[in-house]
Every structure is written in C-alpha cells, then in structure tokens.
N, C-alpha and C. Protein backbone atom coordinates (compact mmCIF):
# COMPACT_ATOMS: atom_id res chain seq x y z
N MET A 1 36.42 22.28 117.13
CA MET A 1 37.82 22.06 117.49
C MET A 1 38.75 22.15 116.28
N GLU A 2 38.21 22.41 115.10
CA GLU A 2 39.04 22.52 113.91
C GLU A 2 40.02 23.69 114.01
N TRP A 3 39.67 24.70 114.80
CA TRP A 3 40.55 25.87 114.93
C TRP A 3 41.87 25.47 115.58
N HIS A 4 41.86 24.44 116.43
CA HIS A 4 43.12 23.96 117.02
C HIS A 4 44.07 23.46 115.93
N ILE A 5 43.53 22.69 115.02
CA ILE A 5 44.34 22.12 113.95
C ILE A 5 44.91 23.22 113.06
N ALA A 6 44.08 24.19 112.71
CA ALA A 6 44.53 25.31 111.87
C ALA A 6 45.60 26.12 112.58
N ALA A 7 45.43 26.36 113.86
CA ALA A 7 46.41 27.14 114.62
C ALA A 7 47.73 26.40 114.74
N ILE A 8 47.68 25.12 115.01
CA ILE A 8 48.91 24.32 115.11
C ILE A 8 49.63 24.30 113.76
N ALA A 9 48.86 24.14 112.69
CA ALA A 9 49.46 24.15 111.34
C ALA A 9 50.11 25.49 111.05
N ALA A 10 49.45 26.58 111.39
CA ALA A 10 50.00 27.91 111.14
C ALA A 10 51.29 28.13 111.93
N ILE A 11 51.30 27.73 113.18
CA ILE A 11 52.51 27.87 114.00
C ILE A 11 53.63 27.00 113.44
N GLY A 12 53.30 25.80 113.00
CA GLY A 12 54.31 24.91 112.42
C GLY A 12 54.91 25.49 111.14
N ILE A 13 54.06 26.02 110.28
CA ILE A 13 54.53 26.63 109.04
C ILE A 13 55.40 27.84 109.35
N TRP A 14 54.96 28.67 110.29
CA TRP A 14 55.73 29.86 110.66
C TRP A 14 57.10 29.46 111.20
N ASN A 15 57.16 28.43 112.03
CA ASN A 15 58.45 27.98 112.57
C ASN A 15 59.36 27.46 111.47
N PHE A 16 58.80 26.81 110.46
CA PHE A 16 59.60 26.38 109.32
C PHE A 16 60.16 27.60 108.58
N VAL A 17 59.34 28.64 108.41
CA VAL A 17 59.79 29.87 107.75
C VAL A 17 60.94 30.51 108.54
N VAL A 18 60.79 30.58 109.86
CA VAL A 18 61.83 31.17 110.71
C VAL A 18 63.11 30.33 110.63
N PHE A 19 62.98 29.01 110.68
CA PHE A 19 64.12 28.12 110.52
C PHE A 19 64.84 28.42 109.21
N ALA A 20 64.08 28.55 108.14
CA ALA A 20 64.66 28.85 106.82
C ALA A 20 65.33 30.22 106.81
N MET A 21 64.80 31.17 107.55
CA MET A 21 65.42 32.50 107.63
C MET A 21 66.82 32.41 108.22
N TYR A 22 66.97 31.60 109.25
CA TYR A 22 68.29 31.44 109.88
C TYR A 22 69.26 30.77 108.91
N GLY A 23 68.77 29.80 108.16
CA GLY A 23 69.63 29.15 107.17
C GLY A 23 70.01 30.11 106.05
N THR A 24 69.05 30.89 105.60
CA THR A 24 69.31 31.88 104.54
C THR A 24 70.32 32.92 105.01
N ASP A 25 70.16 33.40 106.25
CA ASP A 25 71.08 34.41 106.77
C ASP A 25 72.49 33.84 106.90
N LYS A 26 72.60 32.60 107.32
CA LYS A 26 73.92 31.96 107.43
C LYS A 26 74.57 31.85 106.05
N ARG A 27 73.80 31.41 105.07
CA ARG A 27 74.33 31.28 103.72
C ARG A 27 74.76 32.64 103.17
N ARG A 28 73.95 33.67 103.42
CA ARG A 28 74.31 35.02 102.97
C ARG A 28 75.57 35.52 103.67
N ALA A 29 75.71 35.19 104.94
CA ALA A 29 76.91 35.61 105.69
C ALA A 29 78.16 34.98 105.08
N LYS A 30 78.08 33.71 104.73
CA LYS A 30 79.23 33.02 104.15
C LYS A 30 79.62 33.61 102.79
N ARG A 31 78.61 34.08 102.05
CA ARG A 31 78.85 34.59 100.71
C ARG A 31 79.08 36.09 100.66
N GLY A 32 79.04 36.74 101.83
CA GLY A 32 79.27 38.18 101.89
C GLY A 32 78.14 38.99 101.27
N ARG A 33 76.95 38.46 101.30
CA ARG A 33 75.80 39.13 100.71
C ARG A 33 74.99 39.86 101.77
N ARG A 34 73.98 40.59 101.32
CA ARG A 34 73.11 41.33 102.23
C ARG A 34 72.41 40.37 103.19
N ARG A 35 72.39 40.75 104.47
CA ARG A 35 71.93 39.87 105.54
C ARG A 35 70.52 40.22 106.01
N ILE A 36 69.92 39.28 106.74
CA ILE A 36 68.68 39.53 107.46
C ILE A 36 69.07 40.15 108.79
N SER A 37 68.44 41.24 109.16
CA SER A 37 68.85 41.95 110.38
C SER A 37 68.59 41.10 111.62
N GLU A 38 69.42 41.34 112.65
CA GLU A 38 69.23 40.64 113.92
C GLU A 38 67.86 40.95 114.50
N LYS A 39 67.42 42.19 114.33
CA LYS A 39 66.10 42.59 114.82
C LYS A 39 65.01 41.73 114.18
N THR A 40 65.10 41.52 112.88
CA THR A 40 64.11 40.71 112.19
C THR A 40 64.16 39.26 112.67
N LEU A 41 65.36 38.73 112.84
CA LEU A 41 65.49 37.35 113.32
C LEU A 41 64.89 37.19 114.72
N LEU A 42 65.17 38.14 115.60
CA LEU A 42 64.64 38.05 116.97
C LEU A 42 63.13 38.29 117.01
N LEU A 43 62.64 39.23 116.23
CA LEU A 43 61.19 39.47 116.21
C LEU A 43 60.44 38.27 115.64
N SER A 44 61.03 37.61 114.66
CA SER A 44 60.38 36.42 114.12
C SER A 44 60.30 35.32 115.17
N ALA A 45 61.30 35.25 116.04
CA ALA A 45 61.26 34.29 117.14
C ALA A 45 60.22 34.70 118.18
N LEU A 46 60.15 35.98 118.46
CA LEU A 46 59.18 36.49 119.44
C LEU A 46 57.76 36.14 119.03
N PHE A 47 57.43 36.33 117.77
CA PHE A 47 56.07 36.11 117.28
C PHE A 47 55.84 34.65 116.91
N MET A 48 55.99 33.78 117.91
CA MET A 48 55.69 32.35 117.83
C MET A 48 56.63 31.54 116.94
N GLY A 49 57.85 32.04 116.71
CA GLY A 49 58.80 31.32 115.88
C GLY A 49 60.06 30.89 116.60
N ALA A 50 60.02 30.88 117.92
CA ALA A 50 61.23 30.58 118.69
C ALA A 50 61.73 29.15 118.50
N ALA A 51 60.83 28.21 118.31
CA ALA A 51 61.27 26.82 118.11
C ALA A 51 62.05 26.70 116.80
N GLY A 52 61.56 27.34 115.75
CA GLY A 52 62.28 27.33 114.48
C GLY A 52 63.59 28.07 114.56
N ALA A 53 63.60 29.17 115.32
CA ALA A 53 64.83 29.95 115.49
C ALA A 53 65.88 29.13 116.24
N LEU A 54 65.48 28.50 117.31
CA LEU A 54 66.43 27.71 118.10
C LEU A 54 66.97 26.53 117.29
N LEU A 55 66.09 25.87 116.57
CA LEU A 55 66.53 24.76 115.73
C LEU A 55 67.47 25.27 114.63
N GLY A 56 67.14 26.40 114.03
CA GLY A 56 67.99 26.98 113.00
C GLY A 56 69.35 27.39 113.52
N MET A 57 69.37 27.93 114.73
CA MET A 57 70.64 28.32 115.33
C MET A 57 71.56 27.11 115.47
N HIS A 58 71.00 25.99 115.90
CA HIS A 58 71.83 24.82 116.14
C HIS A 58 72.16 24.04 114.86
N ILE A 59 71.20 23.89 113.99
CA ILE A 59 71.44 23.15 112.75
C ILE A 59 72.45 23.89 111.87
N PHE A 60 72.26 25.21 111.73
CA PHE A 60 73.13 26.00 110.85
C PHE A 60 74.33 26.60 111.58
N ARG A 61 74.41 26.37 112.89
CA ARG A 61 75.47 26.94 113.73
C ARG A 61 75.58 28.45 113.48
N HIS A 62 74.44 29.10 113.65
CA HIS A 62 74.33 30.52 113.32
C HIS A 62 73.85 31.30 114.54
N LYS A 63 74.53 32.37 114.84
CA LYS A 63 74.21 33.27 115.96
C LYS A 63 74.41 32.59 117.31
N THR A 64 75.24 31.57 117.36
CA THR A 64 75.43 30.84 118.62
C THR A 64 76.47 31.48 119.53
N ARG A 65 77.11 32.54 119.08
CA ARG A 65 78.08 33.24 119.92
C ARG A 65 77.56 34.58 120.41
N HIS A 66 76.33 34.89 120.08
CA HIS A 66 75.72 36.16 120.48
C HIS A 66 74.79 35.91 121.66
N ALA A 67 75.07 36.57 122.79
CA ALA A 67 74.29 36.34 124.00
C ALA A 67 72.82 36.65 123.79
N LYS A 68 72.51 37.69 123.00
CA LYS A 68 71.10 38.01 122.83
C LYS A 68 70.35 36.90 122.10
N PHE A 69 71.07 36.04 121.40
CA PHE A 69 70.45 34.90 120.75
C PHE A 69 70.52 33.66 121.64
N THR A 70 71.70 33.38 122.21
CA THR A 70 71.85 32.16 123.01
C THR A 70 71.02 32.19 124.29
N VAL A 71 70.78 33.38 124.81
CA VAL A 71 69.92 33.53 125.99
C VAL A 71 68.51 33.91 125.58
N GLY A 72 68.41 34.84 124.64
CA GLY A 72 67.12 35.39 124.25
C GLY A 72 66.19 34.40 123.57
N VAL A 73 66.70 33.63 122.63
CA VAL A 73 65.83 32.70 121.89
C VAL A 73 65.25 31.62 122.80
N PRO A 74 66.05 30.98 123.68
CA PRO A 74 65.42 30.02 124.60
C PRO A 74 64.37 30.66 125.51
N LEU A 75 64.63 31.89 125.94
CA LEU A 75 63.62 32.58 126.76
C LEU A 75 62.36 32.87 125.94
N LEU A 76 62.55 33.23 124.68
CA LEU A 76 61.40 33.44 123.80
C LEU A 76 60.64 32.14 123.57
N LEU A 77 61.35 31.03 123.53
CA LEU A 77 60.67 29.73 123.38
C LEU A 77 59.78 29.46 124.59
N VAL A 78 60.29 29.74 125.78
CA VAL A 78 59.48 29.58 126.99
C VAL A 78 58.25 30.48 126.91
N LEU A 79 58.45 31.71 126.49
CA LEU A 79 57.33 32.65 126.33
C LEU A 79 56.34 32.14 125.29
N ASN A 80 56.83 31.65 124.16
CA ASN A 80 55.95 31.11 123.12
C ASN A 80 55.12 29.95 123.66
N ILE A 81 55.75 29.07 124.41
CA ILE A 81 55.04 27.92 124.98
C ILE A 81 53.98 28.39 125.97
N ALA A 82 54.32 29.37 126.80
CA ALA A 82 53.36 29.91 127.77
C ALA A 82 52.16 30.53 127.06
N VAL A 83 52.41 31.25 125.98
CA VAL A 83 51.32 31.86 125.22
C VAL A 83 50.41 30.78 124.64
N VAL A 84 50.98 29.72 124.09
CA VAL A 84 50.18 28.64 123.52
C VAL A 84 49.35 27.96 124.61
N VAL A 85 49.95 27.69 125.75
CA VAL A 85 49.22 27.05 126.84
C VAL A 85 48.07 27.93 127.31
N LEU A 86 48.35 29.21 127.53
CA LEU A 86 47.29 30.12 127.96
C LEU A 86 46.21 30.25 126.90
N TRP A 87 46.62 30.30 125.65
CA TRP A 87 45.67 30.41 124.56
C TRP A 87 44.75 29.19 124.52
N ILE A 88 45.32 28.00 124.67
CA ILE A 88 44.51 26.78 124.65
C ILE A 88 43.53 26.77 125.82
N VAL A 89 44.01 27.14 126.99
CA VAL A 89 43.14 27.14 128.18
C VAL A 89 41.99 28.12 128.00
N TYR A 90 42.30 29.35 127.62
CA TYR A 90 41.24 30.36 127.53
C TYR A 90 40.40 30.23 126.28
N ALA A 91 40.97 29.83 125.18
CA ALA A 91 40.20 29.64 123.96
C ALA A 91 39.23 28.46 124.13
N SER A 92 39.66 27.44 124.83
CA SER A 92 38.78 26.31 125.07
C SER A 92 37.56 26.73 125.89
N LYS A 93 37.76 27.62 126.83
CA LYS A 93 36.64 28.13 127.62
C LYS A 93 35.72 29.01 126.79
N LEU A 94 36.29 29.81 125.90
CA LEU A 94 35.49 30.71 125.08
C LEU A 94 34.73 29.99 123.97
N PHE A 95 35.42 29.07 123.30
CA PHE A 95 34.84 28.44 122.13
C PHE A 95 34.34 27.02 122.37
N GLY A 96 34.53 26.55 123.59
CA GLY A 96 34.04 25.22 123.93
C GLY A 96 34.89 24.17 123.45
C-alpha cells in the first residue's frame, strides 16, 4: 500500500507547482513580463493539477474573468477526482 502514499504525495506536490504557476503568471502580468501561456496553465490543470489551479485562481485572483478558466478548471477538477477514484478502485484490485 506504499504506492498510495507515493501517489498522493506526487499529486500534492504537482498541485503545489500548478498553484505556484498561477501566482508566477499573475506576478509576471502585473510587471509586464513574459507570461505562462493559457494552454500551459490549462494543461497543467488537466494533468492532475486542477485543485492547485483552482486555488491559485482564487488566491491570486488570476484568470477569474475568462470562461475557459472559470468553467474549465472546475470541470477539470471533477475529472481529476474521477480519475483518482477510478485509479484507486482498479489499482486496488490489481495490486491488492
């Protein structure tokens, strides 16, 4: 069952990275510097980082006026949760 702990830790670290990406992009936007692309921000949310993205959007007040973020990121969070639930169910059957 150690793989559960490692997987949860990896997802947690990844969500922290995604959260930091949103903060970095907001700071760069304020300073007129080169930005992180919207595609990169959304893909990072898609690949199990939606919780960090959603938290980053609200904490940093970033991308909250863009429908593809205000609608897309919560939907990606639901998808991320579904993937984790399915993964736990099927991985538990495979690995005991």
